[in-house]
Protein backbone atom coordinates (compact mmCIF):
# COMPACT_ATOMS: atom_id res chain seq x y z
CA UNK A 1 -0.95 -26.59 -19.45
CA UNK A 2 -2.54 -29.33 -21.53
CA UNK A 3 -0.93 -28.93 -24.79
CA UNK A 4 2.72 -29.56 -23.91
CA UNK A 5 3.91 -27.22 -26.66
CA UNK A 6 7.47 -25.99 -26.12
CA UNK A 7 7.97 -22.01 -26.10
CA UNK A 8 9.94 -21.87 -29.09
CA UNK A 9 7.31 -23.73 -31.28
CA UNK A 10 4.59 -21.85 -29.96
CA UNK A 11 2.65 -20.06 -32.70
CA UNK A 12 -0.10 -17.45 -32.67
CA UNK A 13 -2.73 -19.86 -33.90
CA UNK A 14 -2.20 -22.05 -30.64
CA UNK A 15 -2.88 -19.15 -28.35
CA UNK A 16 -6.74 -19.19 -28.21
CA UNK A 17 -9.43 -18.61 -25.66
CA UNK A 18 -9.10 -22.19 -24.25
CA UNK A 19 -5.20 -21.91 -24.23
CA UNK A 20 -5.48 -18.49 -22.01
CA UNK A 21 -8.06 -19.89 -19.85
CA UNK A 22 -5.57 -23.06 -19.11
CA UNK A 23 -2.61 -20.77 -18.63
CA UNK A 24 -4.64 -18.79 -16.07
CA UNK A 25 -5.95 -21.70 -14.29
CA UNK A 26 -2.10 -23.05 -14.34
CA UNK A 27 -1.11 -19.78 -12.65
CA UNK A 28 -3.86 -20.08 -10.01
CA UNK A 29 -3.50 -23.76 -9.02
CA UNK A 30 0.10 -24.67 -9.69
CA UNK A 31 1.74 -21.39 -9.30
CA UNK A 32 -0.59 -20.23 -6.59
CA UNK A 33 -0.49 -16.73 -8.20
CA UNK A 34 -3.19 -14.08 -6.80
CA UNK A 35 -5.98 -13.12 -8.97
CA UNK A 36 -4.28 -9.68 -9.42
CA UNK A 37 -1.07 -11.44 -10.96
CA UNK A 38 -3.40 -13.56 -13.12
CA UNK A 39 -5.10 -10.17 -14.45
CA UNK A 40 -1.79 -8.77 -14.97
CA UNK A 41 -0.81 -11.46 -17.31
CA UNK A 42 -4.32 -11.39 -19.03
CA UNK A 43 -3.82 -7.67 -19.59
CA UNK A 44 -0.51 -8.06 -21.20
CA UNK A 45 -2.17 -10.75 -23.61
CA UNK A 46 -4.83 -8.32 -24.26
CA UNK A 47 -2.30 -5.53 -25.20
CA UNK A 48 -0.35 -8.14 -27.37
CA UNK A 49 -3.34 -9.28 -29.42
CA UNK A 50 -4.41 -5.79 -29.84
CA UNK A 51 -0.86 -5.35 -31.80
CA UNK A 52 -1.31 -8.77 -33.52
CA UNK A 53 -4.79 -7.88 -35.12
CA UNK A 54 -3.05 -4.87 -36.55
CA UNK A 55 -0.07 -6.74 -38.11
CA UNK A 56 -1.93 -10.05 -39.06
CA UNK A 57 -5.42 -9.18 -40.02
CA UNK A 58 -6.49 -12.61 -40.83
CA UNK A 59 -6.14 -13.57 -37.06
CA UNK A 60 -8.44 -10.64 -36.15
CA UNK A 61 -11.48 -12.91 -34.98
CA UNK A 62 -9.08 -15.00 -32.70
CA UNK A 63 -7.50 -11.75 -31.48
CA UNK A 64 -11.17 -10.26 -30.75
CA UNK A 65 -12.20 -13.19 -28.77
CA UNK A 66 -8.91 -13.11 -26.67
CA UNK A 67 -9.36 -9.50 -25.86
CA UNK A 68 -13.08 -9.97 -25.16
CA UNK A 69 -11.83 -12.22 -22.11
CA UNK A 70 -12.91 -10.46 -18.86
CA UNK A 71 -10.55 -10.01 -16.00
CA UNK A 72 -11.18 -12.38 -13.18
CA UNK A 73 -13.11 -10.96 -10.20
CA UNK A 74 -11.61 -10.64 -6.69
CA UNK A 75 -12.64 -9.07 -3.40
CA UNK A 76 -10.52 -6.03 -2.63
CA UNK A 77 -9.16 -6.22 0.88
CA UNK A 78 -9.38 -3.14 2.85
CA UNK A 79 -6.05 -1.12 3.23
CA UNK A 80 -4.14 -2.11 6.41
CA UNK A 81 -2.82 0.61 8.67
CA UNK A 82 -1.82 1.15 12.42
CA UNK A 83 -3.67 2.94 15.04
CA UNK A 84 -1.79 5.93 16.82
CA UNK A 85 -1.24 3.60 19.71
CA UNK A 86 0.23 0.73 17.68
CA UNK A 87 2.58 3.21 15.62
CA UNK A 88 3.85 4.85 18.66
CA UNK A 89 4.64 1.42 20.20
CA UNK A 90 6.58 0.38 17.13
CA UNK A 91 8.51 3.61 17.02
CA UNK A 92 9.27 3.62 20.65
CA UNK A 93 10.59 0.22 20.77
CA UNK A 94 14.19 0.44 19.19
CA UNK A 95 16.80 0.89 22.00
CA UNK A 96 18.28 4.42 21.73
CA UNK A 97 21.45 3.44 23.79
CA UNK A 98 22.72 1.06 20.80
CA UNK A 99 23.91 2.43 17.54
CA UNK A 100 21.52 0.15 15.65
CA UNK A 101 18.61 1.05 17.81
CA UNK A 102 19.14 4.87 17.04
CA UNK A 103 19.45 3.82 13.21
CA UNK A 104 16.04 1.86 13.48
CA UNK A 105 14.36 4.53 15.40
CA UNK A 106 15.31 7.26 12.83
CA UNK A 107 14.77 4.83 9.84
CA UNK A 108 11.17 4.10 10.81
CA UNK A 109 10.26 7.52 11.76
CA UNK A 110 11.33 8.73 8.29
CA UNK A 111 9.70 5.77 6.71
CA UNK A 112 6.42 6.83 8.43
CA UNK A 113 6.99 10.70 8.17
CA UNK A 114 7.45 10.76 4.57
CA UNK A 115 5.04 8.04 3.54
CA UNK A 116 8.03 6.76 1.38
CA UNK A 117 8.12 3.26 -0.30
CA UNK A 118 10.73 0.88 0.89
CA UNK A 119 12.71 0.99 -2.17
CA UNK A 120 12.75 4.95 -1.77
CA UNK A 121 13.95 4.66 1.85
CA UNK A 122 16.91 2.77 1.10
CA UNK A 123 17.90 4.90 -1.86
CA UNK A 124 18.13 8.07 0.26
CA UNK A 125 21.65 9.33 0.13
CA UNK A 126 23.15 12.19 2.59
CA UNK A 127 22.67 14.78 -0.20
CA UNK A 128 19.08 14.03 -0.37
CA UNK A 129 18.39 15.46 3.00
CA UNK A 130 17.94 19.18 3.93
CA UNK A 131 17.72 19.79 7.65
CA UNK A 132 17.64 23.67 7.37
CA UNK A 133 14.37 25.21 7.70
CA UNK A 134 11.97 23.79 6.14
CA UNK A 135 13.35 20.44 6.55
CA UNK A 136 12.80 18.01 3.73
CA UNK A 137 13.90 14.67 1.80
CA UNK A 138 14.00 14.09 -1.97
CA UNK A 139 12.73 10.81 -2.78
CA UNK A 140 13.19 9.04 -6.15
CA UNK A 141 10.02 6.94 -6.73
CA UNK A 142 8.89 4.73 -9.59
CA UNK A 143 10.04 5.56 -12.94
CA UNK A 144 12.82 7.49 -11.49
CA UNK A 145 10.36 10.22 -10.65
CA UNK A 146 11.61 12.70 -7.83
CA UNK A 147 9.67 14.33 -5.37
CA UNK A 148 10.47 16.50 -2.24
CA UNK A 149 8.42 15.77 1.02
CA UNK A 150 8.56 17.79 4.09
CA UNK A 151 9.88 16.39 7.54
CA UNK A 152 8.31 17.18 10.98
CA UNK A 153 10.57 18.92 13.27
CA UNK A 154 10.78 15.99 15.77
CA UNK A 155 11.93 13.75 13.04
CA UNK A 156 14.35 16.18 11.34
CA UNK A 157 15.99 16.54 14.98
CA UNK A 158 16.39 12.69 15.15
CA UNK A 159 17.60 12.36 11.61
CA UNK A 160 20.14 15.44 11.88
CA UNK A 161 21.69 13.87 15.17
CA UNK A 162 21.92 10.54 13.54
CA UNK A 163 23.63 12.05 10.42
CA UNK A 164 26.19 13.84 12.49
CA UNK A 165 26.82 10.70 14.46
CA UNK A 166 27.97 8.96 11.20
CA UNK A 167 29.51 11.95 9.69
CA UNK A 168 27.13 12.05 6.86
CA UNK A 169 26.58 16.00 7.37
CA UNK A 170 29.93 16.52 5.87
CA UNK A 171 29.74 17.52 1.94
CA UNK A 172 32.36 14.90 0.91
CA UNK A 173 30.08 12.29 2.14
CA UNK A 174 26.95 13.25 0.41
CA UNK A 175 26.79 10.10 -1.88
CA UNK A 176 26.89 7.77 1.01
CA UNK A 177 23.56 5.98 2.01
CA UNK A 178 21.90 7.36 4.97
CA UNK A 179 20.55 3.82 6.24
CA UNK A 180 23.28 1.35 6.47
CA UNK A 181 23.87 -2.26 7.88
CA UNK A 182 26.90 -3.08 9.88
CA UNK A 183 29.32 -3.37 6.97
CA UNK A 184 28.31 0.35 6.20
CA UNK A 185 26.64 -0.59 2.89
CA UNK A 186 23.29 0.26 1.78
CA UNK A 187 20.36 -1.65 3.43
CA UNK A 188 18.31 -3.96 1.41
CA UNK A 189 14.41 -4.24 1.26
CA UNK A 190 14.46 -7.64 3.01
CA UNK A 191 16.88 -6.16 5.62
CA UNK A 192 14.39 -3.35 6.47
CA UNK A 193 11.48 -5.58 6.30
CA UNK A 194 13.24 -8.05 8.75
CA UNK A 195 14.23 -5.26 11.15
CA UNK A 196 10.76 -3.89 11.42
CA UNK A 197 9.19 -7.31 12.09
CA UNK A 198 11.67 -7.68 15.15
CA UNK A 199 10.40 -4.51 16.71
CA UNK A 200 6.70 -5.20 15.79
CA UNK A 201 6.78 -8.49 17.45
CA UNK A 202 8.19 -6.95 20.62
CA UNK A 203 5.55 -4.27 20.32
CA UNK A 204 2.65 -6.61 20.07
CA UNK A 205 3.43 -8.14 23.20
CA UNK A 206 2.89 -4.71 24.90
CA UNK A 207 -0.59 -3.92 23.26
CA UNK A 208 -3.40 -6.43 23.74
CA UNK A 209 -5.35 -6.91 20.53
CA UNK A 210 -2.56 -5.65 18.28
CA UNK A 211 -2.86 -8.27 15.47
CA UNK A 212 -2.53 -6.24 12.42
CA UNK A 213 0.25 -7.58 10.05
CA UNK A 214 2.91 -4.90 9.72
CA UNK A 215 5.27 -4.54 6.74
CA UNK A 216 7.11 -1.25 5.72
CA UNK A 217 4.23 -0.43 3.14
CA UNK A 218 1.91 -0.53 6.20
CA UNK A 219 3.59 2.44 7.42
CA UNK A 220 3.04 4.28 4.17
CA UNK A 221 -0.62 3.42 4.38
CA UNK A 222 -0.80 4.69 7.96
CA UNK A 223 0.65 7.96 6.87
CA UNK A 224 -2.07 8.23 4.10
CA UNK A 225 -4.80 7.40 6.32
CA UNK A 226 -3.68 10.03 8.98
CA UNK A 227 -3.31 12.71 6.67
CA UNK A 228 -6.61 11.98 5.29
CA UNK A 229 -8.23 11.92 8.82
CA UNK A 230 -6.37 15.15 9.42
CA UNK A 231 -8.48 16.89 6.67
CA UNK A 232 -5.73 16.73 3.89
CA UNK A 233 -7.33 16.45 0.33
CA UNK A 234 -6.93 13.52 -1.62
CA UNK A 235 -5.20 15.22 -4.42
CA UNK A 236 -2.48 16.39 -1.82
CA UNK A 237 -2.10 13.04 -0.50
CA UNK A 238 -1.54 11.82 -3.98
CA UNK A 239 1.26 14.30 -4.61
CA UNK A 240 2.67 13.66 -1.03
CA UNK A 241 2.76 9.86 -1.85
CA UNK A 242 3.87 10.07 -5.22
CA UNK A 243 0.83 8.57 -6.94
CA UNK A 244 0.27 8.64 -10.46
CA UNK A 245 -3.61 8.76 -10.29
CA UNK A 246 -5.82 9.91 -7.50
CA UNK A 247 -7.79 6.87 -7.86
CA UNK A 248 -5.10 4.98 -6.00
CA UNK A 249 -5.29 7.38 -3.26
CA UNK A 250 -8.98 6.71 -2.90
CA UNK A 251 -8.30 3.51 -1.04
CA UNK A 252 -7.74 5.51 2.03
CA UNK A 253 -11.03 7.23 1.71
CA UNK A 254 -12.86 3.99 1.32
CA UNK A 255 -10.91 2.42 4.47
CA UNK A 256 -12.00 5.56 6.37
CA UNK A 257 -15.74 5.20 5.56
CA UNK A 258 -15.42 1.57 6.38
CA UNK A 259 -13.77 2.31 9.76
CA UNK A 260 -16.51 4.98 10.24
CA UNK A 261 -19.21 2.59 9.52
CA UNK A 262 -18.13 -0.21 11.90
CA UNK A 263 -18.12 2.42 14.73
CA UNK A 264 -21.59 3.44 13.98
CA UNK A 265 -22.71 -0.24 13.98
CA UNK A 266 -21.11 -0.69 17.36
CA UNK A 267 -22.68 2.45 18.65
CA UNK A 268 -25.98 1.46 17.49
CA UNK A 269 -25.76 -2.13 18.76
CA UNK A 270 -25.26 -0.56 22.44
CA UNK A 271 -27.76 2.21 22.07
CA UNK A 272 -31.34 1.93 23.15
CA UNK A 273 -33.83 2.35 20.38
CA UNK A 274 -37.22 3.70 20.81
CA UNK A 275 -40.18 1.34 20.45
CA UNK A 276 -42.19 2.08 17.27
CA UNK A 277 -45.84 1.55 17.90
CA UNK A 278 -47.64 -0.81 15.29
CA UNK A 279 -50.16 0.62 12.81
CA UNK A 280 -52.38 -2.06 13.53
CA UNK A 281 -52.98 -0.62 16.90
CA UNK A 282 -54.07 2.87 15.44
CA UNK A 283 -57.76 2.77 15.31
CA UNK A 284 -57.81 5.87 13.35
CA UNK A 285 -55.64 4.86 10.70
CA UNK A 286 -57.81 1.40 10.56
CA UNK A 287 -60.96 3.44 10.06
CA UNK A 288 -59.37 5.60 7.38
CA UNK A 289 -58.08 2.39 5.51
CA UNK A 290 -61.81 0.76 5.81
CA UNK A 291 -63.31 3.73 4.12
CA UNK A 292 -61.31 3.23 0.98
């Protein structure tokens, strides 16, 4: 920032277009914030000045100028997801002969099967799980909104064996977290991310060309892509993943179209194309053109 004004001395009159532009440049160059983050900050300022113009009408022109500032453009990267072989390699890597390996195997299977956010995964308690037919899990998402998602039978069996091993199938232990660390406490988001990276690095050594960056959220994207490729409608995927707007779910449709486009381009590159005769070699066409 160039004006060197202390926060407590900052007045509305100081926050003009030039000031906001300098603030966004500061976020970009010094704080190394992404364009999305910059746009979020600008959207907050838009909302604030929308309020200011109602409360301080004499500042309306200044407010209008700030509100007219466009969001910064950025190239939207395609959603990252795993192929079926890559997913199977990651899920199969945890060692089932160890307690931590069994936990990781169940945890990542549940993470993929439910399409849960990592925050939703670590918040699962024993009483959120129902293993009787049909097996399902209750997840608490953003804004404390709950949703119930089904489990595949194979995942339900793994989860049932794991919970019985820890005694989490007893009613008096229903308040305990399903996925725990060595101290019996609830796993953290960074803990889940670290455990996943350990298994991903080992799986990458087994599959040539496995370069996709993997995070817990990638397993959520992978579930969304697999649902779409299986013919599930975007509205159902929205409800399954807990999206507020179906527009969020459309990223999977765009990624799927991009994947098909690349496959078609690859097929065309290797396919023999028929030779197209030149119109200049067609004497009948030339005679007709001369007659015009």
